[in-house]
C-alpha atoms as a PDB file:
ATOM      1  CA  MET A   1     -19.663 -21.796   3.012  1.00  0.00           C
ATOM      2  CA  ALA A   2     -17.576 -18.671   3.639  1.00  0.00           C
ATOM      3  CA  ALA A   3     -16.375 -17.788   7.148  1.00  0.00           C
ATOM      4  CA  VAL A   4     -17.928 -14.905   8.821  1.00  0.00           C
ATOM      5  CA  SER A   5     -16.305 -12.970  11.567  1.00  0.00           C
ATOM      6  CA  VAL A   6     -18.138 -10.557  13.997  1.00  0.00           C
ATOM      7  CA  VAL A   7     -16.417  -7.324  14.829  1.00  0.00           C
ATOM      8  CA  PRO A   8     -17.177  -5.357  17.917  1.00  0.00           C
ATOM      9  CA  ALA A   9     -19.017  -2.175  17.259  1.00  0.00           C
ATOM     10  CA  GLU A  10     -16.268  -0.007  18.723  1.00  0.00           C
ATOM     11  CA  LEU A  11     -13.871  -1.626  16.314  1.00  0.00           C
ATOM     12  CA  ALA A  12     -15.941  -1.586  13.194  1.00  0.00           C
ATOM     13  CA  VAL A  13     -15.064   0.783  10.255  1.00  0.00           C
ATOM     14  CA  PRO A  14     -17.849   3.125   8.990  1.00  0.00           C
ATOM     15  CA  ALA A  15     -19.309   1.885   5.647  1.00  0.00           C
ATOM     16  CA  GLU A  16     -18.040   5.053   3.887  1.00  0.00           C
ATOM     17  CA  LEU A  17     -14.504   4.342   4.809  1.00  0.00           C
ATOM     18  CA  ALA A  18     -14.550   0.630   4.347  1.00  0.00           C
ATOM     19  CA  VAL A  19     -12.349  -1.017   1.506  1.00  0.00           C
ATOM     20  CA  PRO A  20     -13.798  -4.003  -0.251  1.00  0.00           C
ATOM     21  CA  VAL A  21     -11.794  -6.968   0.543  1.00  0.00           C
ATOM     22  CA  ASP A  22     -12.220  -8.738  -2.692  1.00  0.00           C
ATOM     23  CA  LEU A  23     -11.023  -6.146  -5.317  1.00  0.00           C
ATOM     24  CA  ALA A  24     -11.496  -8.944  -7.982  1.00  0.00           C
ATOM     25  CA  ALA A  25     -15.289  -8.584  -7.493  1.00  0.00           C
ATOM     26  CA  ARG A  26     -15.001  -5.128  -9.118  1.00  0.00           C
ATOM     27  CA  ALA A  27     -13.594  -6.492 -12.367  1.00  0.00           C
ATOM     28  CA  ALA A  28     -16.122  -7.478 -15.168  1.00  0.00           C
ATOM     29  CA  PRO A  29     -17.317 -11.002 -15.145  1.00  0.00           C
ATOM     30  CA  GLY A  30     -14.764 -13.329 -17.001  1.00  0.00           C
ATOM     31  CA  VAL A  31     -12.086 -10.825 -17.147  1.00  0.00           C
ATOM     32  CA  PRO A  32      -8.973 -11.824 -15.067  1.00  0.00           C
ATOM     33  CA  ARG A  33      -7.702  -9.068 -12.882  1.00  0.00           C
ATOM     34  CA  ARG A  34      -3.988  -8.275 -12.548  1.00  0.00           C
ATOM     35  CA  PRO A  35      -2.399  -6.350  -9.726  1.00  0.00           C
ATOM     36  CA  ARG A  36      -1.831  -2.833 -10.651  1.00  0.00           C
ATOM     37  CA  GLY A  37       1.675  -1.400 -10.574  1.00  0.00           C
ATOM     38  CA  ARG A  38       3.486  -4.785 -10.149  1.00  0.00           C
ATOM     39  CA  MET A  39       3.286  -5.961 -13.878  1.00  0.00           C
ATOM     40  CA  PRO A  40       4.562  -2.905 -15.590  1.00  0.00           C
ATOM     41  CA  ALA A  41       7.530  -2.823 -12.997  1.00  0.00           C
ATOM     42  CA  ALA A  42       8.333  -6.359 -13.712  1.00  0.00           C
ATOM     43  CA  VAL A  43       8.226  -5.871 -17.547  1.00  0.00           C
ATOM     44  CA  ALA A  44      10.314  -2.871 -17.222  1.00  0.00           C
ATOM     45  CA  ALA A  45      12.948  -4.725 -15.090  1.00  0.00           C
ATOM     46  CA  LEU A  46      13.108  -7.499 -17.554  1.00  0.00           C
ATOM     47  CA  ALA A  47      13.440  -5.141 -20.568  1.00  0.00           C
ATOM     48  CA  LEU A  48      16.371  -3.379 -18.755  1.00  0.00           C
ATOM     49  CA  ALA A  49      17.948  -6.703 -18.154  1.00  0.00           C
ATOM     50  CA  VAL A  50      17.562  -7.938 -21.731  1.00  0.00           C
ATOM     51  CA  LEU A  51      18.277  -4.836 -23.635  1.00  0.00           C
ATOM     52  CA  PRO A  52      21.910  -4.583 -22.982  1.00  0.00           C
ATOM     53  CA  ALA A  53      22.453  -8.276 -23.899  1.00  0.00           C
ATOM     54  CA  THR A  54      20.751  -7.464 -27.363  1.00  0.00           C
ATOM     55  CA  VAL A  55      22.123  -4.277 -28.079  1.00  0.00           C
ATOM     56  CA  VAL A  56      25.701  -4.584 -26.625  1.00  0.00           C
ATOM     57  CA  GLY A  57      28.066  -6.912 -28.501  1.00  0.00           C
ATOM     58  CA  CYS A  58      31.339  -8.133 -27.312  1.00  0.00           C
ATOM     59  CA  ALA A  59      33.939  -5.519 -28.377  1.00  0.00           C
ATOM     60  CA  LYS A  60      37.425  -6.622 -28.547  1.00  0.00           C
ATOM     61  CA  ALA A  61      40.515  -4.382 -28.700  1.00  0.00           C
ATOM     62  CA  ALA A  62      42.275  -7.152 -30.925  1.00  0.00           C
ATOM     63  CA  ASP A  63      39.659  -6.143 -33.533  1.00  0.00           C
ATOM     64  CA  ALA A  64      40.354  -2.413 -33.471  1.00  0.00           C
ATOM     65  CA  THR A  65      42.367  -0.365 -35.863  1.00  0.00           C
ATOM     66  CA  PRO A  66      45.480   0.910 -33.943  1.00  0.00           C
ATOM     67  CA  GLU A  67      45.991   4.606 -33.479  1.00  0.00           C
ATOM     68  CA  SER A  68      49.257   6.152 -32.510  1.00  0.00           C
ATOM     69  CA  THR A  69      50.772   9.416 -31.432  1.00  0.00           C
ATOM     70  CA  VAL A  70      54.413  10.346 -30.426  1.00  0.00           C
ATOM     71  CA  PHE A  71      55.343  12.841 -27.612  1.00  0.00           C
ATOM     72  CA  GLY A  72      58.933  14.421 -27.542  1.00  0.00           C
ATOM     73  CA  TYR A  73      59.992  13.701 -24.146  1.00  0.00           C
ATOM     74  CA  SER A  74      63.472  14.539 -22.577  1.00  0.00           C
ATOM     75  CA  GLY A  75      62.922  13.660 -18.820  1.00  0.00           C
ATOM     76  CA  SER A  76      64.336  10.940 -16.768  1.00  0.00           C
ATOM     77  CA  THR A  77      61.394   9.531 -15.186  1.00  0.00           C
ATOM     78  CA  LEU A  78      57.883   8.932 -16.726  1.00  0.00           C
ATOM     79  CA  ASN A  79      54.893   8.112 -14.788  1.00  0.00           C
ATOM     80  CA  VAL A  80      52.121   6.399 -16.989  1.00  0.00           C
ATOM     81  CA  VAL A  81      48.657   6.592 -15.314  1.00  0.00           C
ATOM     82  CA  THR A  82      45.861   4.721 -16.791  1.00  0.00           C
ATOM     83  CA  ARG A  83      42.238   5.621 -16.044  1.00  0.00           C
ATOM     84  CA  HIS A  84      39.800   2.693 -15.735  1.00  0.00           C
ATOM     85  CA  HIS A  85      42.430   0.077 -15.472  1.00  0.00           C
ATOM     86  CA  VAL A  86      43.283  -0.261 -19.243  1.00  0.00           C
ATOM     87  CA  PRO A  87      45.811  -2.795 -19.905  1.00  0.00           C
ATOM     88  CA  THR A  88      49.047  -1.194 -21.025  1.00  0.00           C
ATOM     89  CA  ASP A  89      52.204  -2.744 -22.139  1.00  0.00           C
ATOM     90  CA  LEU A  90      55.281  -0.517 -21.205  1.00  0.00           C
ATOM     91  CA  VAL A  91      58.177  -1.493 -23.762  1.00  0.00           C
ATOM     92  CA  ALA A  92      61.838  -0.270 -23.783  1.00  0.00           C
ATOM     93  CA  THR A  93      62.835   0.632 -27.482  1.00  0.00           C
ATOM     94  CA  ASP A  94      65.617   2.373 -29.241  1.00  0.00           C
ATOM     95  CA  ARG A  95      63.374   5.413 -29.683  1.00  0.00           C
ATOM     96  CA  GLN A  96      64.321   8.987 -28.492  1.00  0.00           C
ATOM     97  CA  ASP A  97      60.670   9.985 -27.947  1.00  0.00           C
ATOM     98  CA  VAL A  98      57.683   8.272 -26.362  1.00  0.00           C
ATOM     99  CA  LYS A  99      55.156   6.583 -28.785  1.00  0.00           C
ATOM    100  CA  VAL A 100      51.590   5.501 -27.610  1.00  0.00           C
ATOM    101  CA  THR A 101      49.477   3.122 -29.594  1.00  0.00           C
ATOM    102  CA  ARG A 102      45.926   2.540 -28.692  1.00  0.00           C
ATOM    103  CA  TRP A 103      43.435  -0.179 -29.707  1.00  0.00           C
ATOM    104  CA  PHE A 104      39.959   0.819 -28.777  1.00  0.00           C
ATOM    105  CA  LYS A 105      36.797  -0.935 -29.755  1.00  0.00           C
ATOM    106  CA  ALA A 106      33.153  -0.032 -28.686  1.00  0.00           C
ATOM    107  CA  ASP A 107      29.971  -1.690 -29.521  1.00  0.00           C
ATOM    108  CA  GLY A 108      26.538  -0.658 -28.584  1.00  0.00           C
ATOM    109  CA  ILE A 109      24.911   2.875 -27.601  1.00  0.00           C
ATOM    110  CA  GLY A 110      26.751   5.006 -25.350  1.00  0.00           C
ATOM    111  CA  ARG A 111      29.427   7.753 -24.894  1.00  0.00           C
ATOM    112  CA  GLU A 112      32.958   6.943 -25.671  1.00  0.00           C
ATOM    113  CA  ARG A 113      36.110   8.753 -23.880  1.00  0.00           C
ATOM    114  CA  THR A 114      39.524   8.072 -25.204  1.00  0.00           C
ATOM    115  CA  GLY A 115      42.655  10.244 -24.769  1.00  0.00           C
ATOM    116  CA  TRP A 116      46.213  10.617 -24.060  1.00  0.00           C
ATOM    117  CA  GLU A 117      48.098  13.482 -22.634  1.00  0.00           C
ATOM    118  CA  LEU A 118      51.663  14.209 -21.511  1.00  0.00           C
ATOM    119  CA  GLU A 119      51.907  16.873 -18.907  1.00  0.00           C
ATOM    120  CA  GLY A 120      55.230  17.193 -17.104  1.00  0.00           C
ATOM    121  CA  ASP A 121      56.604  13.729 -16.288  1.00  0.00           C
ATOM    122  CA  THR A 122      53.009  12.177 -16.209  1.00  0.00           C
ATOM    123  CA  LEU A 123      51.402  10.488 -19.169  1.00  0.00           C
ATOM    124  CA  THR A 124      47.626   9.953 -18.775  1.00  0.00           C
ATOM    125  CA  LEU A 125      45.808   7.455 -20.770  1.00  0.00           C
ATOM    126  CA  GLU A 126      42.141   6.931 -20.964  1.00  0.00           C
ATOM    127  CA  ALA A 127      39.630   4.539 -22.933  1.00  0.00           C
ATOM    128  CA  SER A 128      36.281   3.991 -21.535  1.00  0.00           C
ATOM    129  CA  CYS A 129      32.600   3.961 -22.461  1.00  0.00           C
ATOM    130  CA  SER A 130      29.282   4.466 -20.762  1.00  0.00           C
ATOM    131  CA  GLY A 131      25.506   3.813 -21.484  1.00  0.00           C
ATOM    132  CA  PHE A 132      24.343   0.629 -23.235  1.00  0.00           C
ATOM    133  CA  ALA A 133      27.793  -0.024 -24.626  1.00  0.00           C
ATOM    134  CA  ASN A 134      30.596  -2.625 -24.310  1.00  0.00           C
ATOM    135  CA  CYS A 135      34.239  -1.504 -24.993  1.00  0.00           C
ATOM    136  CA  ASP A 136      37.769  -2.869 -24.739  1.00  0.00           C
ATOM    137  CA  ALA A 137      40.908  -1.150 -24.980  1.00  0.00           C
ATOM    138  CA  ARG A 138      44.801  -1.726 -24.950  1.00  0.00           C
ATOM    139  CA  PHE A 139      47.670   0.576 -24.919  1.00  0.00           C
ATOM    140  CA  ARG A 140      51.198   0.194 -25.741  1.00  0.00           C
ATOM    141  CA  VAL A 141      53.855   2.700 -24.630  1.00  0.00           C
ATOM    142  CA  GLU A 142      57.305   2.716 -26.268  1.00  0.00           C
ATOM    143  CA  VAL A 143      60.099   4.567 -24.366  1.00  0.00           C
ATOM    144  CA  PRO A 144      63.693   5.014 -24.594  1.00  0.00           C
ATOM    145  CA  PRO A 145      65.741   2.693 -22.604  1.00  0.00           C
ATOM    146  CA  HIS A 146      67.383   5.134 -20.145  1.00  0.00           C
ATOM    147  CA  ILE A 147      63.870   6.435 -18.892  1.00  0.00           C
ATOM    148  CA  THR A 148      62.659   5.179 -15.470  1.00  0.00           C
ATOM    149  CA  VAL A 149      59.094   4.297 -15.977  1.00  0.00           C
ATOM    150  CA  LEU A 150      56.611   4.395 -13.193  1.00  0.00           C
ATOM    151  CA  ARG A 151      53.092   2.795 -13.492  1.00  0.00           C
ATOM    152  CA  ASP A 152      50.445   4.741 -11.504  1.00  0.00           C
ATOM    153  CA  GLY A 153      53.289   6.069  -9.515  1.00  0.00           C
ATOM    154  CA  ARG A 154      54.919   2.752  -8.601  1.00  0.00           C
ATOM    155  CA  ALA A 155      58.195   1.311  -9.975  1.00  0.00           C
ATOM    156  CA  THR A 156      57.707  -1.210 -12.760  1.00  0.00           C
ATOM    157  CA  ASP A 157      59.746  -3.210 -15.121  1.00  0.00           C
ATOM    158  CA  LEU A 158      59.739  -2.735 -18.852  1.00  0.00           C
ATOM    159  CA  LYS A 159      59.297  -5.358 -21.513  1.00  0.00           C
ATOM    160  CA  GLY A 160      61.944  -5.719 -24.067  1.00  0.00           C
ATOM    161  CA  ALA A 161      61.295  -4.588 -27.579  1.00  0.00           C
ATOM    162  CA  GLY A 162      58.663  -6.635 -29.255  1.00  0.00           C
ATOM    163  CA  PRO A 163      56.405  -6.484 -32.048  1.00  0.00           C
ATOM    164  CA  ALA A 164      53.787  -3.845 -32.119  1.00  0.00           C
END
């Protein structure tokens, strides 16, 4: 038997404002009732969690085709600035200019941003992606041995000449 509670008249809600306690009673007999608003949100959250894993691969810079550019440079100090913390090898070579090689690979759906720019004494390198994408990048900067190289404004050591 169901429990019945008695409410004093001064606390009672008028019948026209009353909300049925058992909302399932309004569903057709034999049809299970699901809460409104919760299931679609749960399905959307699950789709957003699973979608990147199915759309996005695992991009590896080692699988990318290298791209290179050369900048004429006659300064004595070069500040190499990398956006998005892209791994960058700074190498002293017997060059008279500055050569930049980039390996960039992106998988998935999104926007890719890559670039290199030498303005004054600052070489800016960028490689990133956004959206449902995964990307990986690596740079190699070859400079003449007489140039002092800074990494993001801080003194750094150069590697010896090595294979590209």
